[in-house]
C-alpha cells in the first residue's frame, strides 16, 4: 500500500474507534461475464504474455463495507479476479472515506488504493470526491501515487510518474419500472504528462445497461461497456456485452 494512503486510512480508523459499537457491516459477492475497469478489459494477458482479450472471461468479485453508524465515516475492501499483469491474478482495493449531505447534494470524499499482490507495478492510489443529486453522480479521482496501473512509476523503474492522472465520471441511475433500474455512465481519463509523453492518449469510456432487483439483495445487470481510442489500446477497449449477477449479504 502507498505510504500516504496507509497513513490516511490509519487516521480514519483511529478517529472512528470510539464509534465501533454502532458500526454496520455489509458484504457483497458477484460474478460477471467480463470485468471492465474504466472501459478496459481486465483479462488482457495470454499465457505467453501477449495481449489476448476475450469477450467472455468470467470474473468473481466481492468485498465488504463497514459504516460507523450515522457518523458518515466508512472503510471497505473490494476484490476481483484479473489477468492483465504478469504473475498476478487478483485485484484488492482498500478504501475509506466520509459521506455527508450539504446544499441538497450527497457528498462522498475519500482515498482508495488498488493492490495487485503478484505484481506491484499495478499498485495505484487515488483520492476521490463525488456529489450526487437525484439520479446523477459526478465523481473525480486523482492519482497521488507515482505509479498508475503499470503505465509509469517507481515500481516499474521507468523514472516516469503517473501522479496527477485524473478520472472524471458522470453516472445516471433511475428506476424506470418496478425493480428495474436504468444505468448509464461516461468517463474521461486524463493521463499525467509523463504518460502522455509516451504517446498514450487520453480516452473516454461508456456504459449503458439495466439492472433488475429480485429482492433479498439479489440483482442481475445486463449492459454494454467499452471505450474509444481502440486504434491505440486495441480490443481491451472494445464494446462488450456485460452480464453480472450480484448478492448483497
Protein backbone atom coordinates (compact mmCIF):
# COMPACT_ATOMS: atom_id res chain seq x y z
CA UNK A 1 0.00 0.00 0.00
CA UNK A 2 1.22 3.52 -0.73
CA UNK A 3 2.62 5.14 2.43
CA UNK A 4 0.46 8.28 2.24
CA UNK A 5 -2.71 6.25 1.83
CA UNK A 6 -1.78 3.91 4.67
CA UNK A 7 -1.38 6.93 6.92
CA UNK A 8 -4.69 8.41 5.75
CA UNK A 9 -6.58 5.18 6.38
CA UNK A 10 -4.92 4.83 9.78
CA UNK A 11 -6.13 8.32 10.77
CA UNK A 12 -9.66 7.43 9.66
CA UNK A 13 -9.58 4.18 11.63
CA UNK A 14 -8.26 5.82 14.82
CA UNK A 15 -10.83 8.61 14.64
CA UNK A 16 -13.59 6.03 14.30
CA UNK A 17 -12.55 3.70 17.14
CA UNK A 18 -14.94 5.24 19.72
CA UNK A 19 -17.84 4.54 17.33
CA UNK A 20 -17.19 0.84 16.72
CA UNK A 21 -20.18 -0.17 18.80
CA UNK A 22 -22.54 1.45 16.33
CA UNK A 23 -20.79 0.22 13.18
CA UNK A 24 -22.68 -1.58 10.42
CA UNK A 25 -21.10 -4.26 8.27
CA UNK A 26 -22.37 -5.27 4.83
CA UNK A 27 -20.82 -7.63 2.30
CA UNK A 28 -21.30 -8.41 -1.38
CA UNK A 29 -20.35 -11.06 -3.90
CA UNK A 30 -20.78 -11.16 -7.66
CA UNK A 31 -20.00 -12.99 -10.87
CA UNK A 32 -19.51 -11.04 -14.10
CA UNK A 33 -19.06 -12.22 -17.69
CA UNK A 34 -16.21 -9.73 -18.19
CA UNK A 35 -14.62 -7.26 -15.77
CA UNK A 36 -14.08 -3.84 -17.32
CA UNK A 37 -12.40 -1.02 -15.43
CA UNK A 38 -12.83 2.44 -16.94
CA UNK A 39 -13.84 0.80 -20.19
CA UNK A 40 -10.85 -1.55 -20.43
CA UNK A 41 -10.86 -5.36 -20.17
CA UNK A 42 -9.00 -6.71 -17.14
CA UNK A 43 -8.23 -10.09 -18.76
CA UNK A 44 -5.84 -8.96 -21.49
CA UNK A 45 -2.77 -11.15 -20.94
CA UNK A 46 -2.43 -14.58 -22.50
CA UNK A 47 -0.32 -17.44 -21.15
CA UNK A 48 2.70 -16.28 -23.22
CA UNK A 49 2.39 -12.64 -22.11
CA UNK A 50 0.81 -11.40 -25.33
CA UNK A 51 -2.37 -9.36 -25.43
CA UNK A 52 -5.29 -11.76 -25.66
CA UNK A 53 -8.56 -10.07 -24.78
CA UNK A 54 -11.76 -12.13 -24.75
CA UNK A 55 -15.41 -11.13 -24.96
CA UNK A 56 -16.30 -13.76 -22.34
CA UNK A 57 -13.90 -14.01 -19.42
CA UNK A 58 -15.81 -14.55 -16.14
CA UNK A 59 -14.54 -12.85 -13.00
CA UNK A 60 -15.61 -13.44 -9.41
CA UNK A 61 -15.83 -10.35 -7.23
CA UNK A 62 -16.72 -9.40 -3.69
CA UNK A 63 -15.97 -7.32 -0.65
CA UNK A 64 -17.38 -5.56 2.39
CA UNK A 65 -18.24 -2.09 3.68
CA UNK A 66 -18.01 -1.01 7.30
CA UNK A 67 -20.06 2.09 8.16
CA UNK A 68 -19.62 3.73 11.54
CA UNK A 69 -23.23 4.25 12.46
CA UNK A 70 -24.70 7.58 11.38
CA UNK A 71 -21.35 9.40 11.51
CA UNK A 72 -20.74 9.23 7.76
CA UNK A 73 -17.34 7.54 8.14
CA UNK A 74 -16.71 4.23 6.38
CA UNK A 75 -13.97 1.81 5.33
CA UNK A 76 -14.11 -1.11 2.93
CA UNK A 77 -12.46 -3.70 0.75
CA UNK A 78 -13.33 -4.99 -2.73
CA UNK A 79 -11.65 -7.77 -4.72
CA UNK A 80 -11.79 -9.25 -8.21
CA UNK A 81 -10.03 -11.89 -10.26
CA UNK A 82 -7.98 -10.22 -13.04
CA UNK A 83 -5.44 -11.19 -15.70
CA UNK A 84 -3.71 -8.11 -17.11
CA UNK A 85 -0.46 -8.16 -15.13
CA UNK A 86 2.12 -10.93 -15.49
CA UNK A 87 2.31 -13.07 -12.35
CA UNK A 88 -0.84 -11.61 -10.79
CA UNK A 89 -4.46 -12.81 -10.73
CA UNK A 90 -6.10 -10.67 -8.03
CA UNK A 91 -7.05 -7.03 -7.59
CA UNK A 92 -7.64 -6.00 -3.97
CA UNK A 93 -8.94 -2.50 -3.23
CA UNK A 94 -8.83 -0.79 0.17
CA UNK A 95 -10.69 2.45 0.76
CA UNK A 96 -12.01 4.77 3.41
CA UNK A 97 -13.95 7.99 3.40
CA UNK A 98 -16.70 10.25 4.66
CA UNK A 99 -20.23 10.79 3.35
CA UNK A 100 -22.40 13.79 4.20
CA UNK A 101 -25.16 15.99 2.81
CA UNK A 102 -24.80 19.71 2.19
CA UNK A 103 -26.72 22.10 -0.06
CA UNK A 104 -29.11 19.34 -1.07
CA UNK A 105 -26.22 17.29 -2.52
CA UNK A 106 -24.91 13.98 -1.19
CA UNK A 107 -21.10 14.23 -0.92
CA UNK A 108 -18.53 11.44 -0.68
CA UNK A 109 -14.78 12.05 -0.20
CA UNK A 110 -12.07 9.53 0.47
CA UNK A 111 -8.95 7.60 -0.54
CA UNK A 112 -8.61 4.32 -2.42
CA UNK A 113 -5.61 2.11 -3.11
CA UNK A 114 -5.55 -0.66 -5.74
CA UNK A 115 -3.26 -3.56 -4.79
CA UNK A 116 -2.01 -6.33 -7.10
CA UNK A 117 -0.21 -8.81 -4.78
CA UNK A 118 1.61 -10.71 -7.55
CA UNK A 119 2.91 -7.65 -9.41
CA UNK A 120 3.29 -4.35 -7.57
CA UNK A 121 3.77 -2.46 -10.86
CA UNK A 122 -0.01 -2.05 -10.98
CA UNK A 123 -0.40 -0.63 -7.48
CA UNK A 124 -2.12 2.75 -7.62
CA UNK A 125 -3.51 5.19 -5.04
CA UNK A 126 -6.17 7.83 -5.66
CA UNK A 127 -8.11 10.46 -3.74
CA UNK A 128 -11.73 10.90 -4.80
CA UNK A 129 -14.65 13.23 -4.38
CA UNK A 130 -18.24 12.74 -5.56
CA UNK A 131 -21.50 14.63 -5.49
CA UNK A 132 -24.94 13.07 -6.02
CA UNK A 133 -28.14 14.92 -6.90
CA UNK A 134 -31.22 12.91 -7.79
CA UNK A 135 -30.26 10.18 -10.29
CA UNK A 136 -26.93 11.82 -11.18
CA UNK A 137 -23.50 11.30 -9.59
CA UNK A 138 -20.37 13.18 -10.65
CA UNK A 139 -17.09 11.73 -9.34
CA UNK A 140 -13.47 12.76 -9.77
CA UNK A 141 -10.50 10.54 -8.88
CA UNK A 142 -6.96 11.96 -8.68
CA UNK A 143 -3.82 9.81 -8.62
CA UNK A 144 -1.42 10.64 -5.77
CA UNK A 145 0.93 7.66 -6.15
CA UNK A 146 3.90 7.71 -8.53
CA UNK A 147 2.55 4.55 -10.13
CA UNK A 148 -0.54 4.44 -12.31
CA UNK A 149 -1.67 0.89 -13.20
CA UNK A 150 1.69 -0.08 -14.66
CA UNK A 151 1.95 2.83 -17.11
CA UNK A 152 4.66 4.65 -15.16
CA UNK A 153 6.20 4.92 -11.71
CA UNK A 154 8.81 3.88 -9.22
CA UNK A 155 7.83 0.19 -9.13
CA UNK A 156 8.40 -0.26 -12.86
CA UNK A 157 11.72 1.55 -12.70
CA UNK A 158 10.70 3.76 -15.62
CA UNK A 159 11.69 7.01 -13.92
CA UNK A 160 8.31 8.40 -15.00
CA UNK A 161 5.37 9.39 -12.82
CA UNK A 162 1.66 8.68 -13.07
CA UNK A 163 0.93 11.24 -10.34
CA UNK A 164 -1.84 13.71 -11.24
CA UNK A 165 -3.58 11.39 -13.66
CA UNK A 166 -7.28 12.23 -13.34
CA UNK A 167 -10.54 10.40 -13.99
CA UNK A 168 -13.92 12.14 -14.25
CA UNK A 169 -17.12 10.07 -14.34
CA UNK A 170 -20.78 11.08 -14.69
CA UNK A 171 -23.22 8.30 -13.78
CA UNK A 172 -27.02 8.08 -14.06
CA UNK A 173 -29.25 5.57 -12.24
CA UNK A 174 -33.05 5.78 -12.28
CA UNK A 175 -35.76 3.23 -11.55
CA UNK A 176 -37.91 3.14 -14.70
CA UNK A 177 -40.25 0.31 -13.66
CA UNK A 178 -40.79 -1.73 -10.50
CA UNK A 179 -37.45 -3.38 -9.65
CA UNK A 180 -35.90 -2.17 -12.95
CA UNK A 181 -33.17 0.49 -12.90
CA UNK A 182 -31.66 2.13 -15.97
CA UNK A 183 -27.93 2.81 -15.57
CA UNK A 184 -25.64 4.88 -17.78
CA UNK A 185 -22.20 6.41 -17.35
CA UNK A 186 -19.50 8.23 -19.27
CA UNK A 187 -15.95 8.75 -18.05
CA UNK A 188 -12.81 10.57 -19.14
CA UNK A 189 -9.22 9.56 -18.31
CA UNK A 190 -6.63 12.35 -18.47
CA UNK A 191 -3.14 10.91 -18.15
CA UNK A 192 -0.26 12.63 -16.38
CA UNK A 193 2.23 14.40 -18.64
CA UNK A 194 4.88 11.70 -18.19
CA UNK A 195 2.47 9.07 -19.56
CA UNK A 196 1.22 11.29 -22.38
CA UNK A 197 4.84 11.88 -23.41
CA UNK A 198 4.97 8.14 -24.19
CA UNK A 199 2.24 8.72 -26.76
CA UNK A 200 -0.59 7.32 -24.63
CA UNK A 201 -3.82 9.21 -25.49
CA UNK A 202 -6.50 10.38 -23.09
CA UNK A 203 -9.72 8.46 -23.71
CA UNK A 204 -13.46 8.25 -22.99
CA UNK A 205 -15.27 5.21 -21.62
CA UNK A 206 -19.00 4.50 -21.51
CA UNK A 207 -21.59 2.12 -20.06
CA UNK A 208 -25.31 1.60 -20.66
CA UNK A 209 -27.41 -1.11 -19.07
CA UNK A 210 -30.35 -2.23 -16.97
CA UNK A 211 -30.40 -3.80 -13.51
CA UNK A 212 -33.21 -5.97 -12.14
CA UNK A 213 -33.68 -6.32 -8.37
CA UNK A 214 -35.00 -9.76 -7.39
CA UNK A 215 -35.19 -8.81 -3.72
CA UNK A 216 -33.23 -10.22 -0.77
CA UNK A 217 -30.12 -8.48 -2.07
CA UNK A 218 -30.00 -10.33 -5.40
CA UNK A 219 -29.65 -8.28 -8.60
CA UNK A 220 -28.96 -9.02 -12.27
CA UNK A 221 -27.28 -6.47 -14.55
CA UNK A 222 -27.02 -6.52 -18.33
CA UNK A 223 -25.45 -3.85 -20.50
CA UNK A 224 -22.73 -2.67 -22.86
CA UNK A 225 -19.42 -1.21 -21.75
CA UNK A 226 -16.41 -0.01 -23.72
CA UNK A 227 -14.12 2.90 -24.59
CA UNK A 228 -12.79 4.84 -27.56
CA UNK A 229 -9.18 5.04 -28.86
CA UNK A 230 -9.28 1.39 -29.92
CA UNK A 231 -6.67 2.22 -32.57
CA UNK A 232 -4.18 2.66 -29.70
CA UNK A 233 -5.41 0.36 -26.90
CA UNK A 234 -6.75 -2.42 -29.12
CA UNK A 235 -9.52 -4.88 -28.23
CA UNK A 236 -9.27 -4.14 -24.50
CA UNK A 237 -11.33 -1.00 -25.25
CA UNK A 238 -13.82 -2.84 -27.47
CA UNK A 239 -17.51 -2.65 -26.53
CA UNK A 240 -18.58 -5.77 -24.63
CA UNK A 241 -21.94 -7.13 -23.54
CA UNK A 242 -21.64 -7.48 -19.76
CA UNK A 243 -23.86 -9.69 -17.61
CA UNK A 244 -23.43 -9.63 -13.86
CA UNK A 245 -25.23 -11.43 -11.02
CA UNK A 246 -24.64 -9.97 -7.55
CA UNK A 247 -25.76 -10.60 -3.99
CA UNK A 248 -25.63 -8.19 -1.03
CA UNK A 249 -25.18 -10.10 2.22
